[in-house]
Amino acid sequence: MGSRGLKVALRPVERSDHEHLRRWQNDPEVAHWMDYRVPFSLEDIDEDQRRAREEGRPFIIELDGRPIGKCGLNQFRWEPRVCALYIYIGEKDLWGQGLGRDAVMALLTYAFDLVGLERVELSMLADNDRARAVYESCGFEFEGRLAGRAYRDGSWHDTAIMSVSRKGFTGVRATYGI
């Protein structure tokens, strides 16, 4: 079971998606912003997706039936009803068209309405201004900066922590229309 945004649909990851995932995750421009190292083999993707299903709720983002990226929820803490969110649009020809925002809105709707969470958190490279703007447009608030937590391109970079509560999402959702 997935969720829908205004433009995109979220559905569970299937084995037939693994080649898309491998291609996206091995793309240097996509990988730069993610918390993993490349290259990935198809076997690496298989193992990663097995673990993702066991530990969280991974989804493929589709636009008109075309797989364009991946998102999901993980790091669940059930007592306070909190988890972490991750997302990327792997099809670079679709960057900058609002599809990431639409997918985040659909994923947050799923998290709050269907899973019953109270807060969703994320961490990201602190200098990823494009992602920060998307997250803020979905109701996320900046909570802090962790110095030197991510190693990229031979140097250490700061990580930003953001979160959105069920209450904080409610107002944003009403104006967005889903």
N, C-alpha and C. Protein backbone atom coordinates (compact mmCIF):
# COMPACT_ATOMS: atom_id res chain seq x y z
N MET A 1 0.84 -1.18 0.00
CA MET A 1 0.00 0.00 0.00
C MET A 1 0.88 1.24 0.00
N GLY A 2 0.55 2.20 -0.80
CA GLY A 2 1.33 3.42 -0.92
C GLY A 2 0.47 4.63 -0.63
N SER A 3 0.77 5.69 -1.36
CA SER A 3 0.07 6.95 -1.18
C SER A 3 0.17 7.72 -2.49
N ARG A 4 -0.63 8.75 -2.62
CA ARG A 4 -0.63 9.58 -3.82
C ARG A 4 -0.44 11.04 -3.45
N GLY A 5 0.30 11.71 -4.29
CA GLY A 5 0.40 13.16 -4.22
C GLY A 5 -0.50 13.75 -5.30
N LEU A 6 -0.28 15.00 -5.63
CA LEU A 6 -1.04 15.61 -6.72
C LEU A 6 -0.53 15.15 -8.08
N LYS A 7 0.76 14.82 -8.16
CA LYS A 7 1.38 14.41 -9.42
C LYS A 7 1.94 12.99 -9.39
N VAL A 8 2.45 12.57 -8.27
CA VAL A 8 3.15 11.28 -8.20
C VAL A 8 2.38 10.28 -7.35
N ALA A 9 2.75 9.02 -7.53
CA ALA A 9 2.22 7.94 -6.71
C ALA A 9 3.40 7.23 -6.06
N LEU A 10 3.19 6.75 -4.84
CA LEU A 10 4.18 5.95 -4.14
C LEU A 10 3.67 4.52 -4.09
N ARG A 11 4.56 3.59 -4.41
CA ARG A 11 4.19 2.17 -4.35
C ARG A 11 5.38 1.40 -3.79
N PRO A 12 5.12 0.21 -3.25
CA PRO A 12 6.22 -0.60 -2.72
C PRO A 12 7.27 -0.89 -3.80
N VAL A 13 8.51 -1.01 -3.37
CA VAL A 13 9.61 -1.36 -4.27
C VAL A 13 9.44 -2.82 -4.68
N GLU A 14 9.60 -3.08 -5.98
CA GLU A 14 9.52 -4.43 -6.52
C GLU A 14 10.89 -4.83 -7.06
N ARG A 15 11.10 -6.11 -7.21
CA ARG A 15 12.38 -6.61 -7.74
C ARG A 15 12.70 -5.98 -9.08
N SER A 16 11.70 -5.75 -9.91
CA SER A 16 11.93 -5.17 -11.24
C SER A 16 12.43 -3.72 -11.16
N ASP A 17 12.36 -3.10 -9.99
CA ASP A 17 12.86 -1.73 -9.81
C ASP A 17 14.35 -1.68 -9.50
N HIS A 18 14.95 -2.80 -9.17
CA HIS A 18 16.32 -2.81 -8.68
C HIS A 18 17.33 -2.24 -9.69
N GLU A 19 17.10 -2.48 -10.98
CA GLU A 19 18.01 -1.91 -11.98
C GLU A 19 17.91 -0.39 -12.00
N HIS A 20 16.71 0.16 -11.85
CA HIS A 20 16.56 1.62 -11.73
C HIS A 20 17.33 2.13 -10.51
N LEU A 21 17.15 1.46 -9.39
CA LEU A 21 17.83 1.87 -8.15
C LEU A 21 19.34 1.85 -8.32
N ARG A 22 19.86 0.80 -8.94
CA ARG A 22 21.30 0.71 -9.16
C ARG A 22 21.79 1.87 -10.03
N ARG A 23 21.07 2.15 -11.10
CA ARG A 23 21.46 3.24 -12.00
C ARG A 23 21.43 4.58 -11.27
N TRP A 24 20.34 4.83 -10.54
CA TRP A 24 20.22 6.11 -9.83
C TRP A 24 21.30 6.25 -8.77
N GLN A 25 21.48 5.22 -7.97
CA GLN A 25 22.42 5.31 -6.84
C GLN A 25 23.88 5.36 -7.29
N ASN A 26 24.16 4.92 -8.50
CA ASN A 26 25.52 5.00 -9.03
C ASN A 26 25.77 6.31 -9.79
N ASP A 27 24.76 7.12 -9.96
CA ASP A 27 24.93 8.40 -10.64
C ASP A 27 25.63 9.38 -9.68
N PRO A 28 26.78 9.92 -10.05
CA PRO A 28 27.52 10.80 -9.13
C PRO A 28 26.73 12.02 -8.65
N GLU A 29 25.89 12.59 -9.51
CA GLU A 29 25.11 13.76 -9.09
C GLU A 29 24.05 13.39 -8.06
N VAL A 30 23.42 12.24 -8.20
CA VAL A 30 22.44 11.77 -7.22
C VAL A 30 23.16 11.37 -5.94
N ALA A 31 24.23 10.60 -6.09
CA ALA A 31 24.95 10.06 -4.93
C ALA A 31 25.59 11.14 -4.07
N HIS A 32 25.95 12.27 -4.66
CA HIS A 32 26.61 13.33 -3.90
C HIS A 32 25.82 13.74 -2.67
N TRP A 33 24.50 13.77 -2.78
CA TRP A 33 23.65 14.26 -1.68
C TRP A 33 23.20 13.15 -0.74
N MET A 34 23.53 11.90 -1.05
CA MET A 34 23.04 10.78 -0.28
C MET A 34 24.09 10.30 0.72
N ASP A 35 23.63 9.52 1.69
CA ASP A 35 24.50 9.01 2.75
C ASP A 35 24.94 7.58 2.42
N TYR A 36 25.62 7.40 1.30
CA TYR A 36 26.16 6.11 0.94
C TYR A 36 27.34 6.29 -0.01
N ARG A 37 28.03 5.23 -0.23
CA ARG A 37 29.19 5.23 -1.12
C ARG A 37 28.87 4.44 -2.38
N VAL A 38 29.43 4.84 -3.50
CA VAL A 38 29.26 4.13 -4.76
C VAL A 38 30.57 3.42 -5.08
N PRO A 39 30.62 2.45 -5.93
CA PRO A 39 29.54 1.95 -6.77
C PRO A 39 28.72 0.84 -6.10
N PHE A 40 27.53 0.63 -6.64
CA PHE A 40 26.63 -0.42 -6.18
C PHE A 40 26.48 -1.46 -7.28
N SER A 41 26.56 -2.72 -6.89
CA SER A 41 26.24 -3.81 -7.81
C SER A 41 24.75 -4.13 -7.65
N LEU A 42 24.23 -4.92 -8.53
CA LEU A 42 22.84 -5.35 -8.41
C LEU A 42 22.65 -6.17 -7.13
N GLU A 43 23.66 -6.95 -6.75
CA GLU A 43 23.60 -7.72 -5.50
C GLU A 43 23.54 -6.78 -4.29
N ASP A 44 24.28 -5.67 -4.34
CA ASP A 44 24.23 -4.67 -3.27
C ASP A 44 22.82 -4.10 -3.14
N ILE A 45 22.21 -3.81 -4.27
CA ILE A 45 20.85 -3.26 -4.28
C ILE A 45 19.88 -4.28 -3.70
N ASP A 46 20.01 -5.55 -4.11
CA ASP A 46 19.14 -6.60 -3.58
C ASP A 46 19.22 -6.64 -2.05
N GLU A 47 20.43 -6.63 -1.52
CA GLU A 47 20.63 -6.68 -0.06
C GLU A 47 20.09 -5.42 0.61
N ASP A 48 20.35 -4.28 0.01
CA ASP A 48 19.87 -3.01 0.56
C ASP A 48 18.34 -3.00 0.63
N GLN A 49 17.69 -3.49 -0.40
CA GLN A 49 16.23 -3.48 -0.42
C GLN A 49 15.64 -4.51 0.54
N ARG A 50 16.31 -5.63 0.71
CA ARG A 50 15.87 -6.60 1.72
C ARG A 50 15.88 -5.96 3.10
N ARG A 51 16.98 -5.30 3.41
CA ARG A 51 17.12 -4.62 4.70
C ARG A 51 16.11 -3.47 4.83
N ALA A 52 15.91 -2.72 3.75
CA ALA A 52 14.95 -1.60 3.78
C ALA A 52 13.54 -2.08 4.10
N ARG A 53 13.15 -3.22 3.54
CA ARG A 53 11.81 -3.78 3.82
C ARG A 53 11.69 -4.25 5.26
N GLU A 54 12.78 -4.85 5.79
CA GLU A 54 12.75 -5.35 7.16
C GLU A 54 12.72 -4.20 8.18
N GLU A 55 13.41 -3.12 7.89
CA GLU A 55 13.59 -2.04 8.86
C GLU A 55 12.70 -0.83 8.62
N GLY A 56 12.00 -0.79 7.50
CA GLY A 56 11.22 0.41 7.21
C GLY A 56 10.16 0.18 6.17
N ARG A 57 9.80 1.26 5.53
CA ARG A 57 8.77 1.26 4.50
C ARG A 57 9.31 1.98 3.27
N PRO A 58 9.94 1.24 2.35
CA PRO A 58 10.49 1.85 1.14
C PRO A 58 9.45 1.92 0.02
N PHE A 59 9.51 3.00 -0.77
CA PHE A 59 8.58 3.21 -1.87
C PHE A 59 9.31 3.68 -3.12
N ILE A 60 8.79 3.27 -4.26
CA ILE A 60 9.20 3.85 -5.54
C ILE A 60 8.27 5.02 -5.81
N ILE A 61 8.84 6.11 -6.29
CA ILE A 61 8.06 7.27 -6.71
C ILE A 61 7.79 7.11 -8.20
N GLU A 62 6.53 7.17 -8.59
CA GLU A 62 6.15 7.03 -9.99
C GLU A 62 5.46 8.30 -10.48
N LEU A 63 5.75 8.64 -11.72
CA LEU A 63 5.06 9.72 -12.43
C LEU A 63 4.44 9.10 -13.66
N ASP A 64 3.12 9.05 -13.71
CA ASP A 64 2.41 8.45 -14.83
C ASP A 64 2.92 7.03 -15.14
N GLY A 65 3.16 6.26 -14.08
CA GLY A 65 3.61 4.88 -14.23
C GLY A 65 5.10 4.71 -14.44
N ARG A 66 5.85 5.81 -14.56
CA ARG A 66 7.31 5.76 -14.76
C ARG A 66 8.03 5.87 -13.42
N PRO A 67 8.86 4.90 -13.06
CA PRO A 67 9.65 5.04 -11.83
C PRO A 67 10.63 6.20 -11.98
N ILE A 68 10.61 7.14 -11.01
CA ILE A 68 11.48 8.31 -11.11
C ILE A 68 12.36 8.51 -9.88
N GLY A 69 12.12 7.76 -8.81
CA GLY A 69 12.91 7.94 -7.60
C GLY A 69 12.45 7.00 -6.51
N LYS A 70 13.02 7.23 -5.35
CA LYS A 70 12.72 6.38 -4.19
C LYS A 70 12.57 7.26 -2.96
N CYS A 71 11.70 6.84 -2.07
CA CYS A 71 11.55 7.50 -0.78
C CYS A 71 11.13 6.44 0.23
N GLY A 72 11.09 6.84 1.48
CA GLY A 72 10.64 5.89 2.48
C GLY A 72 10.77 6.40 3.89
N LEU A 73 10.35 5.56 4.80
CA LEU A 73 10.42 5.82 6.23
C LEU A 73 11.27 4.72 6.86
N ASN A 74 12.08 5.09 7.85
CA ASN A 74 12.87 4.10 8.57
C ASN A 74 13.21 4.65 9.96
N GLN A 75 14.05 3.93 10.68
CA GLN A 75 14.47 4.32 12.02
C GLN A 75 13.25 4.61 12.93
N PHE A 76 12.28 3.69 12.90
CA PHE A 76 11.06 3.86 13.70
C PHE A 76 11.37 3.76 15.19
N ARG A 77 10.77 4.65 15.93
CA ARG A 77 10.75 4.60 17.40
C ARG A 77 9.26 4.64 17.77
N TRP A 78 8.72 3.47 18.08
CA TRP A 78 7.27 3.34 18.21
C TRP A 78 6.72 3.98 19.46
N GLU A 79 7.46 4.01 20.55
CA GLU A 79 6.93 4.60 21.79
C GLU A 79 6.56 6.07 21.60
N PRO A 80 7.46 6.89 21.03
CA PRO A 80 7.05 8.28 20.80
C PRO A 80 6.41 8.49 19.42
N ARG A 81 6.29 7.41 18.62
CA ARG A 81 5.70 7.47 17.26
C ARG A 81 6.44 8.45 16.36
N VAL A 82 7.74 8.15 16.21
CA VAL A 82 8.65 8.98 15.42
C VAL A 82 9.41 8.09 14.45
N CYS A 83 9.76 8.63 13.29
CA CYS A 83 10.62 7.92 12.35
C CYS A 83 11.41 8.92 11.53
N ALA A 84 12.28 8.40 10.66
CA ALA A 84 13.06 9.23 9.75
C ALA A 84 12.54 9.06 8.33
N LEU A 85 12.75 10.08 7.52
CA LEU A 85 12.32 10.11 6.13
C LEU A 85 13.55 10.23 5.24
N TYR A 86 13.50 9.60 4.07
CA TYR A 86 14.53 9.79 3.04
C TYR A 86 13.86 9.85 1.68
N ILE A 87 14.51 10.52 0.74
CA ILE A 87 13.95 10.65 -0.60
C ILE A 87 15.04 11.04 -1.58
N TYR A 88 14.90 10.59 -2.81
CA TYR A 88 15.66 11.16 -3.92
C TYR A 88 14.88 10.96 -5.22
N ILE A 89 15.02 11.90 -6.10
CA ILE A 89 14.53 11.77 -7.47
C ILE A 89 15.74 11.35 -8.29
N GLY A 90 15.68 10.16 -8.86
CA GLY A 90 16.81 9.62 -9.60
C GLY A 90 16.85 10.06 -11.06
N GLU A 91 15.71 10.42 -11.61
CA GLU A 91 15.66 10.87 -13.01
C GLU A 91 15.94 12.37 -13.06
N LYS A 92 17.18 12.70 -13.40
CA LYS A 92 17.62 14.10 -13.32
C LYS A 92 16.89 15.02 -14.29
N ASP A 93 16.34 14.48 -15.38
CA ASP A 93 15.58 15.32 -16.30
C ASP A 93 14.29 15.85 -15.66
N LEU A 94 13.93 15.31 -14.51
CA LEU A 94 12.71 15.74 -13.81
C LEU A 94 13.02 16.60 -12.58
N TRP A 95 14.29 16.86 -12.31
CA TRP A 95 14.64 17.73 -11.18
C TRP A 95 14.06 19.12 -11.40
N GLY A 96 13.69 19.76 -10.32
CA GLY A 96 13.21 21.15 -10.37
C GLY A 96 11.77 21.31 -10.83
N GLN A 97 10.99 20.24 -10.84
CA GLN A 97 9.61 20.31 -11.30
C GLN A 97 8.59 20.11 -10.17
N GLY A 98 9.05 20.14 -8.94
CA GLY A 98 8.14 20.00 -7.81
C GLY A 98 7.74 18.57 -7.47
N LEU A 99 8.36 17.60 -8.12
CA LEU A 99 7.98 16.21 -7.89
C LEU A 99 8.51 15.70 -6.55
N GLY A 100 9.67 16.17 -6.13
CA GLY A 100 10.18 15.80 -4.82
C GLY A 100 9.26 16.29 -3.72
N ARG A 101 8.81 17.52 -3.84
CA ARG A 101 7.87 18.06 -2.85
C ARG A 101 6.58 17.25 -2.83
N ASP A 102 6.07 16.93 -3.99
CA ASP A 102 4.84 16.15 -4.07
C ASP A 102 5.02 14.78 -3.43
N ALA A 103 6.18 14.16 -3.66
CA ALA A 103 6.45 12.85 -3.05
C ALA A 103 6.57 12.97 -1.53
N VAL A 104 7.23 14.02 -1.03
CA VAL A 104 7.33 14.21 0.42
C VAL A 104 5.95 14.43 1.02
N MET A 105 5.12 15.21 0.37
CA MET A 105 3.76 15.43 0.88
C MET A 105 2.97 14.12 0.92
N ALA A 106 3.10 13.31 -0.11
CA ALA A 106 2.42 12.00 -0.13
C ALA A 106 2.96 11.09 0.97
N LEU A 107 4.27 11.10 1.16
CA LEU A 107 4.88 10.25 2.18
C LEU A 107 4.49 10.70 3.58
N LEU A 108 4.44 12.01 3.82
CA LEU A 108 4.01 12.51 5.13
C LEU A 108 2.54 12.20 5.38
N THR A 109 1.72 12.28 4.36
CA THR A 109 0.30 11.90 4.50
C THR A 109 0.21 10.44 4.93
N TYR A 110 0.99 9.58 4.28
CA TYR A 110 1.04 8.17 4.65
C TYR A 110 1.51 8.01 6.10
N ALA A 111 2.58 8.71 6.47
CA ALA A 111 3.16 8.58 7.81
C ALA A 111 2.18 8.98 8.90
N PHE A 112 1.51 10.10 8.70
CA PHE A 112 0.61 10.60 9.74
C PHE A 112 -0.77 9.93 9.71
N ASP A 113 -1.33 9.70 8.53
CA ASP A 113 -2.68 9.15 8.43
C ASP A 113 -2.72 7.63 8.57
N LEU A 114 -1.81 6.93 7.92
CA LEU A 114 -1.89 5.47 7.88
C LEU A 114 -1.01 4.77 8.91
N VAL A 115 0.15 5.35 9.21
CA VAL A 115 1.05 4.73 10.19
C VAL A 115 0.76 5.27 11.59
N GLY A 116 0.19 6.47 11.68
CA GLY A 116 -0.16 7.03 12.98
C GLY A 116 1.00 7.68 13.72
N LEU A 117 1.97 8.19 12.98
CA LEU A 117 3.12 8.83 13.62
C LEU A 117 2.77 10.23 14.12
N GLU A 118 3.61 10.73 15.01
CA GLU A 118 3.45 12.09 15.54
C GLU A 118 4.53 13.04 15.05
N ARG A 119 5.67 12.49 14.62
CA ARG A 119 6.78 13.33 14.17
C ARG A 119 7.60 12.55 13.16
N VAL A 120 8.08 13.26 12.14
CA VAL A 120 8.98 12.69 11.14
C VAL A 120 10.22 13.56 11.10
N GLU A 121 11.38 12.90 11.14
CA GLU A 121 12.66 13.60 11.19
C GLU A 121 13.47 13.27 9.94
N LEU A 122 14.52 14.05 9.71
CA LEU A 122 15.46 13.74 8.64
C LEU A 122 16.79 14.40 8.94
N SER A 123 17.82 13.88 8.31
CA SER A 123 19.11 14.55 8.32
C SER A 123 19.55 14.68 6.87
N MET A 124 20.31 15.72 6.59
CA MET A 124 20.73 16.01 5.22
C MET A 124 22.03 16.80 5.27
N LEU A 125 22.75 16.84 4.17
CA LEU A 125 23.91 17.71 4.12
C LEU A 125 23.45 19.15 4.31
N ALA A 126 24.10 19.86 5.19
CA ALA A 126 23.65 21.20 5.57
C ALA A 126 23.67 22.19 4.41
N ASP A 127 24.51 21.95 3.41
CA ASP A 127 24.58 22.90 2.29
C ASP A 127 23.66 22.53 1.13
N ASN A 128 22.74 21.59 1.34
CA ASN A 128 21.79 21.21 0.30
C ASN A 128 20.58 22.15 0.36
N ASP A 129 20.77 23.34 -0.15
CA ASP A 129 19.74 24.39 -0.07
C ASP A 129 18.46 24.01 -0.81
N ARG A 130 18.60 23.32 -1.93
CA ARG A 130 17.41 22.92 -2.70
C ARG A 130 16.54 21.98 -1.88
N ALA A 131 17.16 20.97 -1.25
CA ALA A 131 16.40 20.03 -0.43
C ALA A 131 15.79 20.72 0.78
N ARG A 132 16.56 21.59 1.41
CA ARG A 132 16.03 22.30 2.58
C ARG A 132 14.78 23.11 2.22
N ALA A 133 14.78 23.77 1.08
CA ALA A 133 13.61 24.54 0.65
C ALA A 133 12.41 23.62 0.44
N VAL A 134 12.63 22.45 -0.14
CA VAL A 134 11.54 21.49 -0.34
C VAL A 134 10.99 21.06 1.01
N TYR A 135 11.88 20.67 1.92
CA TYR A 135 11.42 20.20 3.23
C TYR A 135 10.67 21.30 3.99
N GLU A 136 11.17 22.51 3.95
CA GLU A 136 10.48 23.61 4.64
C GLU A 136 9.10 23.86 4.03
N SER A 137 8.96 23.70 2.71
CA SER A 137 7.66 23.89 2.07
C SER A 137 6.67 22.80 2.47
N CYS A 138 7.18 21.70 3.03
CA CYS A 138 6.34 20.59 3.50
C CYS A 138 6.10 20.66 5.01
N GLY A 139 6.58 21.71 5.65
CA GLY A 139 6.34 21.89 7.08
C GLY A 139 7.51 21.55 7.98
N PHE A 140 8.60 21.04 7.44
CA PHE A 140 9.76 20.73 8.27
C PHE A 140 10.39 22.00 8.81
N GLU A 141 10.90 21.90 10.02
CA GLU A 141 11.61 23.01 10.66
C GLU A 141 13.05 22.58 10.94
N PHE A 142 13.96 23.52 10.78
CA PHE A 142 15.37 23.29 11.06
C PHE A 142 15.54 23.15 12.56
N GLU A 143 16.22 22.10 13.00
CA GLU A 143 16.42 21.87 14.44
C GLU A 143 17.86 22.01 14.87
N GLY A 144 18.79 21.84 13.95
CA GLY A 144 20.17 21.98 14.35
C GLY A 144 21.14 21.56 13.28
N ARG A 145 22.39 21.88 13.55
CA ARG A 145 23.47 21.60 12.63
C ARG A 145 24.53 20.81 13.39
N LEU A 146 24.94 19.68 12.82
CA LEU A 146 25.97 18.83 13.42
C LEU A 146 27.24 18.99 12.59
N ALA A 147 28.28 19.52 13.21
CA ALA A 147 29.52 19.82 12.49
C ALA A 147 30.26 18.54 12.10
N GLY A 148 30.70 18.50 10.85
CA GLY A 148 31.57 17.44 10.37
C GLY A 148 31.03 16.03 10.51
N ARG A 149 29.77 15.80 10.23
CA ARG A 149 29.18 14.47 10.39
C ARG A 149 29.14 13.64 9.12
N ALA A 150 29.39 14.24 7.96
CA ALA A 150 29.33 13.50 6.71
C ALA A 150 30.64 13.69 5.94
N TYR A 151 31.19 12.60 5.45
CA TYR A 151 32.44 12.65 4.69
C TYR A 151 32.12 12.55 3.20
N ARG A 152 32.44 13.57 2.43
CA ARG A 152 32.17 13.62 1.00
C ARG A 152 33.37 14.22 0.28
N ASP A 153 33.71 13.63 -0.83
CA ASP A 153 34.73 14.21 -1.71
C ASP A 153 36.00 14.58 -0.98
N GLY A 154 36.42 13.76 -0.03
CA GLY A 154 37.68 13.97 0.65
C GLY A 154 37.67 14.96 1.80
N SER A 155 36.48 15.41 2.21
CA SER A 155 36.42 16.33 3.36
C SER A 155 35.13 16.12 4.15
N TRP A 156 35.14 16.67 5.35
CA TRP A 156 33.99 16.55 6.24
C TRP A 156 33.03 17.71 6.02
N HIS A 157 31.72 17.39 6.08
CA HIS A 157 30.66 18.37 5.86
C HIS A 157 29.66 18.31 7.02
N ASP A 158 29.02 19.43 7.25
CA ASP A 158 28.01 19.51 8.31
C ASP A 158 26.71 18.86 7.86
N THR A 159 25.97 18.36 8.83
CA THR A 159 24.66 17.76 8.61
C THR A 159 23.61 18.63 9.29
N ALA A 160 22.49 18.82 8.64
CA ALA A 160 21.37 19.55 9.22
C ALA A 160 20.30 18.54 9.65
N ILE A 161 19.65 18.81 10.77
CA ILE A 161 18.56 18.00 11.29
C ILE A 161 17.28 18.82 11.18
N MET A 162 16.23 18.19 10.64
CA MET A 162 14.94 18.85 10.49
C MET A 162 13.84 17.88 10.93
N SER A 163 12.69 18.42 11.31
CA SER A 163 11.55 17.56 11.63
C SER A 163 10.24 18.31 11.39
N VAL A 164 9.18 17.52 11.28
CA VAL A 164 7.83 18.06 11.16
C VAL A 164 6.92 17.22 12.06
N SER A 165 6.05 17.89 12.78
CA SER A 165 5.07 17.21 13.62
C SER A 165 3.77 17.02 12.85
N ARG A 166 2.93 16.16 13.38
CA ARG A 166 1.61 15.97 12.79
C ARG A 166 0.88 17.31 12.73
N LYS A 167 0.93 18.05 13.81
CA LYS A 167 0.26 19.36 13.87
C LYS A 167 0.86 20.34 12.86
N GLY A 168 2.17 20.36 12.75
CA GLY A 168 2.83 21.25 11.80
C GLY A 168 2.50 20.91 10.35
N PHE A 169 2.31 19.64 10.08
CA PHE A 169 1.99 19.22 8.72
C PHE A 169 0.55 19.54 8.34
N THR A 170 -0.36 19.56 9.31
CA THR A 170 -1.78 19.75 9.04
C THR A 170 -2.05 21.04 8.26
N GLY A 171 -1.46 22.14 8.68
CA GLY A 171 -1.69 23.42 8.00
C GLY A 171 -1.11 23.44 6.60
N VAL A 172 0.09 22.91 6.43
CA VAL A 172 0.73 22.86 5.12
C VAL A 172 -0.09 21.99 4.18
N ARG A 173 -0.54 20.88 4.70
CA ARG A 173 -1.33 19.94 3.89
C ARG A 173 -2.62 20.59 3.39
N ALA A 174 -3.27 21.36 4.23
CA ALA A 174 -4.53 21.99 3.85
C ALA A 174 -4.33 22.94 2.68
N THR A 175 -3.24 23.67 2.68
CA THR A 175 -2.99 24.60 1.58
C THR A 175 -2.49 23.88 0.33
N TYR A 176 -1.86 22.71 0.50
CA TYR A 176 -1.34 21.97 -0.64
C TYR A 176 -2.45 21.24 -1.39
N GLY A 177 -3.43 20.76 -0.66
CA GLY A 177 -4.58 20.15 -1.33
C GLY A 177 -4.62 18.64 -1.37
N ILE A 178 -3.83 17.96 -0.51
CA ILE A 178 -3.96 16.50 -0.47
C ILE A 178 -4.37 16.06 0.93
